Amino acid sequence: MIDGMMMDRSMIVMMCVMMWVGALIFILIIGATVYGVARILMMKSRVVDRPLMMLKERYVRGEINEEEYLRMRRVINDVK
């Protein structure tokens, strides 16, 4: 009984539906938050690692020698 009223099936079904909708909204909010944080962290790591990746590519292509590569890598790591 709720407030002196007897609950019928339609009220029980409606309460169950509202509970499931609330749970779904909660799951969607948590999922969106996790996705957003993961995306921000991934973009940040890409920006930081991009100069080092470009340096490695130059070394592999033979544009710079090992000494220049090591010197430039130290500079990049010091900037981080």
Protein backbone atom coordinates (compact mmCIF):
# COMPACT_ATOMS: atom_id res chain seq x y z
CA MET A 1 0.00 0.00 0.00
CA ILE A 2 1.13 3.52 -0.81
CA ASP A 3 -0.72 6.34 0.96
CA GLY A 4 -3.65 4.07 1.62
CA MET A 5 -3.87 2.98 -2.04
CA MET A 6 -3.36 -0.52 -3.16
CA MET A 7 -0.77 -0.92 -5.91
CA ASP A 8 -2.05 -2.53 -9.06
CA ARG A 9 -0.01 -4.09 -11.86
CA SER A 10 0.19 -0.93 -13.95
CA MET A 11 1.77 1.00 -11.09
CA ILE A 12 4.29 -1.78 -10.48
CA VAL A 13 5.16 -1.92 -14.19
CA MET A 14 5.50 1.86 -14.32
CA MET A 15 7.82 1.86 -11.30
CA CYS A 16 9.96 -0.89 -12.86
CA VAL A 17 10.20 1.01 -16.14
CA MET A 18 11.20 4.19 -14.32
CA MET A 19 13.84 2.26 -12.38
CA TRP A 20 15.30 0.79 -15.60
CA VAL A 21 15.28 4.18 -17.33
CA GLY A 22 17.06 5.72 -14.35
CA ALA A 23 19.66 2.95 -14.35
CA LEU A 24 20.18 3.38 -18.11
CA ILE A 25 20.65 7.13 -17.74
CA PHE A 26 23.14 6.54 -14.91
CA ILE A 27 25.11 4.03 -17.03
CA LEU A 28 25.14 6.44 -19.99
CA ILE A 29 26.44 9.29 -17.82
CA ILE A 30 29.22 7.11 -16.37
CA GLY A 31 30.10 5.80 -19.86
CA ALA A 32 30.23 9.29 -21.34
CA THR A 33 32.46 10.47 -18.50
CA VAL A 34 34.89 7.57 -18.89
CA TYR A 35 34.96 8.06 -22.68
CA GLY A 36 35.62 11.79 -22.32
CA VAL A 37 38.44 11.35 -19.82
CA ALA A 38 40.05 8.58 -21.88
CA ARG A 39 39.86 10.69 -25.03
CA ILE A 40 41.43 13.71 -23.31
CA LEU A 41 44.26 11.58 -21.93
CA MET A 42 44.88 9.95 -25.32
CA MET A 43 45.01 13.32 -27.08
CA LYS A 44 47.42 14.66 -24.47
CA SER A 45 49.77 11.70 -24.87
CA ARG A 46 49.70 12.05 -28.67
CA VAL A 47 50.69 15.70 -28.48
CA VAL A 48 53.57 14.98 -26.10
CA ASP A 49 54.91 11.98 -28.04
CA ARG A 50 54.55 13.47 -31.52
CA PRO A 51 57.91 15.31 -31.56
CA LEU A 52 59.72 12.13 -30.50
CA MET A 53 57.92 10.12 -33.19
CA MET A 54 58.92 12.67 -35.83
CA LEU A 55 62.52 12.53 -34.63
CA LYS A 56 62.55 8.73 -34.86
CA GLU A 57 61.16 8.91 -38.39
CA ARG A 58 63.93 11.30 -39.43
CA TYR A 59 66.55 8.95 -37.94
CA VAL A 60 65.08 5.91 -39.69
CA ARG A 61 64.99 7.75 -43.03
CA GLY A 62 68.66 8.66 -42.58
CA GLU A 63 68.12 12.41 -42.43
CA ILE A 64 70.07 12.63 -39.15
CA ASN A 65 72.84 10.49 -37.69
CA GLU A 66 72.83 8.70 -34.32
CA GLU A 67 74.66 11.51 -32.52
CA GLU A 68 72.12 14.11 -33.67
CA TYR A 69 69.26 11.76 -32.82
CA LEU A 70 70.49 11.21 -29.25
CA ARG A 71 71.15 14.92 -28.72
CA MET A 72 67.71 15.92 -30.01
CA ARG A 73 66.01 13.16 -28.00
CA ARG A 74 67.60 14.50 -24.81
CA VAL A 75 66.31 17.97 -25.64
CA ILE A 76 62.79 16.66 -26.27
CA ASN A 77 62.79 14.66 -23.03
CA ASP A 78 64.04 17.69 -21.08
CA VAL A 79 61.18 19.81 -22.45
CA LYS A 80 58.57 17.27 -21.25
